[in-house]
Amino acid sequence: MPEVIYGSSAIVKSVKDVVSKPNPSPANGKLISARVKHIILDNNDPYFKTFGEWNSIGTVFWDPIEQPTPDGEFNFKNYAVPFFSNIKNYPLLNEVIHVLQLSTNNIATDITSNGYYYFPPINIWNSQHHNALPPASGVPNQTQDYDSAFQGEVRRPEDNSTEINLGSTFKEKLNIHPLLPYEGDVIYEGRWGNSIRLGSTVKDAYNKNQWSDVGENGNPITIIRNGQTNYTSDPWVPETEDINRDASDIWLTTTQKLPITPSSNLTDSYAKSKAPEDPREYSKNQIVLNSGRLTFNAKNDAIILGANSTIHLTANESVNADASKYIALTAPKIYLGSSQGTEGTNIQSAVLGEDLNALLGEIAQYLSTLNTAFSSATDSLAVPIVSLLSVAAPASLALSQRLQAVVNGKNLLSNKVKVSK
């Protein structure tokens, strides 16, 4: 009597039985248009172990477009792995791919060994967000906006979702705009408004952008964007990057002038020197990082900021520096509080604490000596000198003692702030 297997073990065994048999209809060298029915993306997938564990990541199960299976079902023989090993552009469910049958890693022992490889999703809707087709068995509200596209119209869904199954976590967003290209651009776009543009200055282009007001056509620029702004145009209308409104950007320029809005315009610290050119006017090579927050963290060593001219730290609230050992500032001149005004009047020199403490100690000692001498001073007739006695009054002695106490206790000296001669 044959062994009866139940549950997930039965699924695994049936899959192994199917994939271990040779494909009855090889199509070596022929491109097949196929719809993605399932994809292995992690070790929680039910077919993860059967198809090679971690080597199975990216494996898809597909249906030929002309021979669809019911929704949720697929032929285990029709599985394919990515054609490119170093580019991860895995398809979504119901996206259409091209599948090609080629040799596998068993060719050394079996020259007839072959398997399926797939290319990135076909650009059916000219959308970087997704290019899925609803299954033929889809309900009307799933396919209505796609049906018109099949008649040659542009796909323009009006509701908040097309309700097509794209996977377990991928939810369609209808406000993701493609990037507008210019002549010579190389553009890489993710599905969520993240992109890399390898572009250039394009003066007098019909559609204006933020980086082509100055310079010459062909001056290179690289824009890395993560998260687009909320454009007011229809989502199928291409847009360009916005340095002030996009979520996070890195702009690498050569001659471009960027209309960035600085968070702080304070330049008071440059009263004694020339301030850097306004970021909105600078048109030489630079790197601009712009986001809601910037974090620089050196896990093992230092952060080094160097500039041939100046380093400008500006903030609308405060500039803070903390260290577990010390903070060192070294320069021929250091201005604290302000550098505006006339030196010696509005701006005065810092005092050297130890030198002042020593001087005040000598003064205190000298005042004590004078007080003793004045209190016992007499004239030639041994009569006390009234004018000297008045100087040696108790108040003078108290002042000397107070001054000496300050000197001995070093109360004038800061334990934190140190200045050099």
Foldseek 3Di string as FASTA:
>chain_A
DDDDDDDLVVVLVVLLVQQVDDDPDDDAPDKFKWFFQDADAAQVDSCLVSCPNVVRHLKTFIDGPVGDDPRPDGRSNRIAHAPDDPDDQRAFGQFIWIKHKDADPCCVVPVPHIHIHIYHGDCCQVAQQHRGAADPPDDCLLCVLVVVVVVVDHRADDDQASPGHGDDPDGDGQQAAAADDDPPWDKDDHNANWIKIFAFADPPDPDDDFWNPDDDTPFTKIKTADAAARDPDGRHDHYHGDQAGGAKMKIWGAFTAGQHDDQDDDDQQCPPHDDDDDSNPGGGTDIDIDHPDDDDDDPPDDDDDDDPPDDDDDDPPDDDDDDPPADDDDDPDDFPPGPDDDEPPPNYDDDQLVVVLVVLLVVLVVLQVLLVCLCCDDDPVSHRDPVSNVCSPPVSNVVSVVSNVCSVVSVSDDPHDHDDD
